[in-house]
Protein backbone atom coordinates (compact mmCIF):
# COMPACT_ATOMS: atom_id res chain seq x y z
CA MET A 1 -11.55 -104.74 -72.82
CA THR A 2 -8.27 -106.66 -72.31
CA LYS A 3 -9.32 -107.54 -68.75
CA TRP A 4 -12.64 -108.95 -70.01
CA ILE A 5 -10.84 -111.02 -72.63
CA LYS A 6 -8.55 -112.47 -69.94
CA GLN A 7 -11.54 -113.26 -67.72
CA PHE A 8 -13.30 -114.91 -70.68
CA LEU A 9 -10.14 -116.91 -71.42
CA LEU A 10 -10.00 -118.21 -67.86
CA ALA A 11 -13.65 -119.03 -67.21
CA GLY A 12 -15.69 -118.54 -70.38
CA LEU A 13 -18.85 -116.43 -70.15
CA ALA A 14 -19.07 -117.17 -66.42
CA GLY A 15 -15.81 -115.24 -66.02
CA LEU A 16 -17.51 -112.06 -67.22
CA ILE A 17 -20.07 -112.19 -64.42
CA ARG A 18 -18.86 -110.41 -61.30
CA PRO A 19 -19.00 -112.89 -58.41
CA LYS A 20 -21.12 -112.03 -55.37
CA HIS A 21 -18.36 -113.26 -53.08
CA ASN A 22 -14.59 -113.46 -53.41
CA GLN A 23 -13.31 -116.70 -54.91
CA LYS A 24 -11.92 -119.02 -52.24
CA TYR A 25 -8.89 -121.17 -53.02
CA SER A 26 -7.67 -124.03 -50.88
CA LEU A 27 -4.22 -123.93 -49.34
CA LYS A 28 -3.31 -126.94 -51.48
CA THR A 29 -4.32 -125.07 -54.66
CA LYS A 30 -2.33 -121.97 -53.69
CA ILE A 31 0.83 -123.96 -53.01
CA ALA A 32 0.40 -126.07 -56.17
CA ALA A 33 -0.03 -122.91 -58.29
CA VAL A 34 3.08 -121.27 -56.83
CA LYS A 35 5.15 -124.45 -57.28
CA ASP A 36 4.01 -124.83 -60.89
CA TYR A 37 5.16 -121.26 -61.51
CA GLN A 38 8.38 -121.17 -59.50
CA LEU A 39 9.66 -124.74 -59.67
CA ASN A 40 8.03 -126.29 -62.75
CA GLY A 41 8.55 -123.28 -65.02
CA LEU A 42 4.94 -122.80 -66.15
CA ALA A 43 4.20 -119.36 -67.56
CA SER A 44 1.97 -117.17 -65.39
CA ARG A 45 -0.81 -117.33 -68.02
CA GLU A 46 -0.73 -121.14 -67.95
CA VAL A 47 -0.96 -121.16 -64.15
CA LEU A 48 -3.93 -118.77 -64.22
CA ILE A 49 -5.76 -121.01 -66.69
CA LYS A 50 -4.86 -124.29 -64.96
CA TYR A 51 -6.07 -123.15 -61.52
CA LYS A 52 -8.84 -120.79 -62.73
CA ILE A 53 -7.27 -117.81 -61.00
CA ARG A 54 -9.06 -114.61 -62.01
CA HIS A 55 -6.11 -112.22 -61.98
CA ILE A 56 -2.29 -112.25 -62.04
CA SER A 57 -2.20 -110.10 -58.88
CA GLN A 58 -3.71 -113.03 -56.95
CA LEU A 59 -0.89 -115.34 -58.06
CA LYS A 60 1.74 -112.69 -57.24
CA GLN A 61 0.30 -112.33 -53.75
CA TRP A 62 0.53 -116.09 -53.19
CA ILE A 63 4.15 -116.10 -54.40
CA ILE A 64 5.07 -113.39 -51.90
CA GLN A 65 3.25 -115.27 -49.11
CA TYR A 66 4.91 -118.54 -50.10
CA ASN A 67 8.40 -117.03 -50.21
CA SER A 68 7.90 -115.37 -46.84
CA ASP A 69 6.53 -118.62 -45.35
CA LYS A 70 2.97 -117.37 -44.86
CA LEU A 71 1.51 -120.21 -46.94
CA THR A 72 1.92 -123.19 -44.67
CA VAL A 73 1.01 -126.82 -45.15
CA ALA A 74 -1.55 -128.01 -42.63
CA TYR A 75 -0.03 -131.32 -41.63
CA ALA A 76 0.27 -132.03 -37.93
CA THR A 77 3.94 -132.98 -38.06
CA ARG A 78 4.77 -129.81 -39.91
CA LYS A 79 2.66 -127.67 -37.59
CA ARG A 80 4.72 -128.89 -34.64
CA VAL A 81 7.90 -127.44 -36.05
CA LYS A 82 6.33 -124.24 -37.45
CA LYS A 83 8.17 -121.16 -36.28
CA MET A 84 7.61 -117.49 -36.84
CA GLY A 85 9.25 -116.50 -40.12
CA ARG A 86 12.63 -114.95 -39.53
CA LYS A 87 15.10 -113.43 -41.93
CA VAL A 88 17.56 -116.02 -43.20
CA SER A 89 20.68 -114.98 -45.08
CA PHE A 90 21.75 -116.55 -48.37
CA ASP A 91 24.76 -118.21 -46.68
CA GLU A 92 22.58 -119.63 -43.92
CA LYS A 93 20.15 -121.03 -46.51
CA LYS A 94 23.06 -122.81 -48.19
CA GLN A 95 24.16 -124.22 -44.84
CA ILE A 96 20.63 -125.42 -44.02
CA VAL A 97 20.17 -127.05 -47.43
CA GLN A 98 23.57 -128.77 -47.24
CA TRP A 99 22.85 -130.07 -43.73
CA THR A 100 19.41 -131.36 -44.80
CA ILE A 101 20.80 -133.18 -47.84
CA ASN A 102 23.61 -134.68 -45.73
CA HIS A 103 20.99 -135.98 -43.27
CA GLN A 104 18.81 -137.89 -45.77
CA ASN A 105 16.50 -134.91 -46.43
CA ASN A 106 15.27 -134.82 -42.83
CA TYR A 107 13.27 -131.59 -43.19
CA LYS A 108 11.63 -131.87 -39.79
CA GLU A 109 14.97 -132.19 -38.00
CA ALA A 110 16.45 -129.32 -40.01
CA ALA A 111 13.47 -127.12 -39.17
CA SER A 112 13.96 -127.80 -35.46
CA LYS A 113 17.75 -127.43 -35.57
CA TYR A 114 17.73 -124.09 -37.41
CA ASP A 115 14.53 -122.74 -35.83
CA ILE A 116 12.61 -122.26 -39.09
CA SER A 117 9.55 -123.86 -40.64
CA TYR A 118 9.44 -127.25 -42.31
CA GLN A 119 7.99 -125.63 -45.45
CA ARG A 120 10.90 -123.24 -45.88
CA VAL A 121 13.47 -126.02 -45.55
CA TYR A 122 11.53 -128.20 -47.98
CA SER A 123 11.22 -125.36 -50.50
CA TRP A 124 14.93 -124.45 -50.42
CA VAL A 125 16.06 -128.07 -50.77
CA ARG A 126 13.63 -128.73 -53.65
CA LYS A 127 14.77 -125.58 -55.45
CA TYR A 128 18.42 -126.48 -55.06
CA LEU A 129 17.95 -130.12 -56.12
CA HIS A 130 15.94 -129.01 -59.15
CA ASP A 131 18.65 -126.69 -60.53
CA HIS A 132 21.82 -127.72 -58.62
CA ASN A 133 22.58 -124.01 -58.41
CA TRP A 134 22.88 -122.05 -55.16
CA GLU A 135 21.62 -118.89 -56.89
CA VAL A 136 18.04 -120.21 -56.76
CA LEU A 137 18.10 -119.64 -53.00
CA LYS A 138 18.42 -115.89 -53.43
CA ASP A 139 15.24 -114.04 -52.50
CA ASN A 140 13.49 -113.17 -55.78
CA ARG A 141 10.02 -112.50 -54.48
CA GLY A 142 7.30 -112.20 -57.07
CA ARG A 143 9.69 -113.42 -59.77
CA ASN A 144 8.71 -111.72 -63.02
CA LYS A 145 11.10 -113.45 -65.37
CA GLU A 146 10.76 -117.03 -66.53
CA LYS A 147 13.76 -119.30 -66.24
CA GLU A 148 15.53 -119.46 -69.59
CA PRO A 149 15.55 -122.88 -71.29
CA THR A 150 18.92 -124.64 -71.10
CA ASN A 151 18.70 -126.89 -74.17
CA GLU A 152 17.01 -127.08 -77.58
CA LEU A 153 14.21 -129.40 -76.42
CA GLU A 154 13.27 -127.05 -73.56
CA ARG A 155 13.38 -124.08 -75.95
CA LEU A 156 11.05 -125.88 -78.37
CA ARG A 157 8.67 -126.89 -75.58
CA LYS A 158 8.57 -123.32 -74.33
CA ARG A 159 7.87 -122.06 -77.86
CA VAL A 160 5.05 -124.60 -78.29
CA ARG A 161 3.50 -123.45 -75.00
CA GLU A 162 3.74 -119.82 -76.11
CA LEU A 163 2.15 -120.59 -79.49
CA GLU A 164 -0.64 -122.59 -77.85
CA ALA A 165 -1.32 -119.72 -75.45
CA GLU A 166 -1.36 -117.23 -78.35
CA LYS A 167 -3.75 -119.47 -80.29
CA ARG A 168 -6.09 -119.78 -77.28
CA GLU A 169 -6.00 -116.03 -76.79
CA SER A 170 -6.82 -115.43 -80.47
CA GLU A 171 -9.71 -117.89 -80.28
CA VAL A 172 -11.03 -116.16 -77.19
CA GLN A 173 -10.74 -112.72 -78.77
CA ILE A 174 -12.71 -113.93 -81.80
CA ALA A 175 -15.37 -115.58 -79.61
CA PHE A 176 -15.55 -112.48 -77.45
CA ALA A 177 -15.91 -110.19 -80.48
CA LYS A 178 -18.71 -112.41 -81.86
CA LYS A 179 -20.49 -112.27 -78.50
CA LEU A 180 -20.23 -108.48 -78.40
CA VAL A 181 -21.65 -108.26 -81.95
CA GLU A 182 -24.48 -110.60 -80.94
CA ILE A 183 -25.29 -108.46 -77.88
CA ARG A 184 -25.16 -105.28 -79.95
CA ASN A 185 -27.45 -106.81 -82.59
CA ARG A 186 -29.92 -107.82 -79.89
CA GLU A 187 -30.05 -104.21 -78.76
CA VAL A 188 -30.69 -103.03 -82.33
CA HIS A 189 -33.32 -105.66 -83.13
CA ARG A 190 -35.57 -105.46 -80.11
CA PRO A 191 -38.97 -107.23 -80.24
CA ASP A 192 -40.74 -103.87 -80.75
CA ASP A 193 -38.66 -103.25 -83.88
CA ILE A 194 -39.40 -106.74 -85.21
CA LYS A 195 -43.16 -106.28 -84.71
CA ARG A 196 -43.00 -102.97 -86.51
CA PHE A 197 -41.25 -104.53 -89.50
CA LYS A 198 -43.74 -107.41 -89.64
CA LYS A 199 -46.70 -104.99 -90.02
């Protein structure tokens, strides 16, 4: 029942119909969804709704792929410096980010110099510049916990988002319950029954 409600919340009645084929998402959509979650602080539920993702497991899979450099951006310049993902220590990440910042954010050059992909360098630098905290470079794959707000305005915005999500969920539950009652009533009042009562 909860799963149906979530599907209804994401896609309306169409979300309750099992698709004949798996939903295909573009690489751009996958990366945008992960960035909204990891870098922009959107709640997982908001990301699911925004990108019409059917299940949280899909988003978690993209996060793991993104963090392990399996989601790559298909630009020719970036493809040229794409390397097989290798394990990079926390200290090495710091060194790479510092070097990139000191060289006018030259991601391509950093990728070549340190033998890693453009996307990984870009991601680490963006994360660091967003928070100015080296801890964000630690490998927290499939992050479950939202970043805590740092000031009153952020706390209020987060609370508003939570209340809006709760309101939407309540509205969906009510609409879903009404639809179930309607379907049940259709079963009870079949045309044969109506004809019988008219006689």
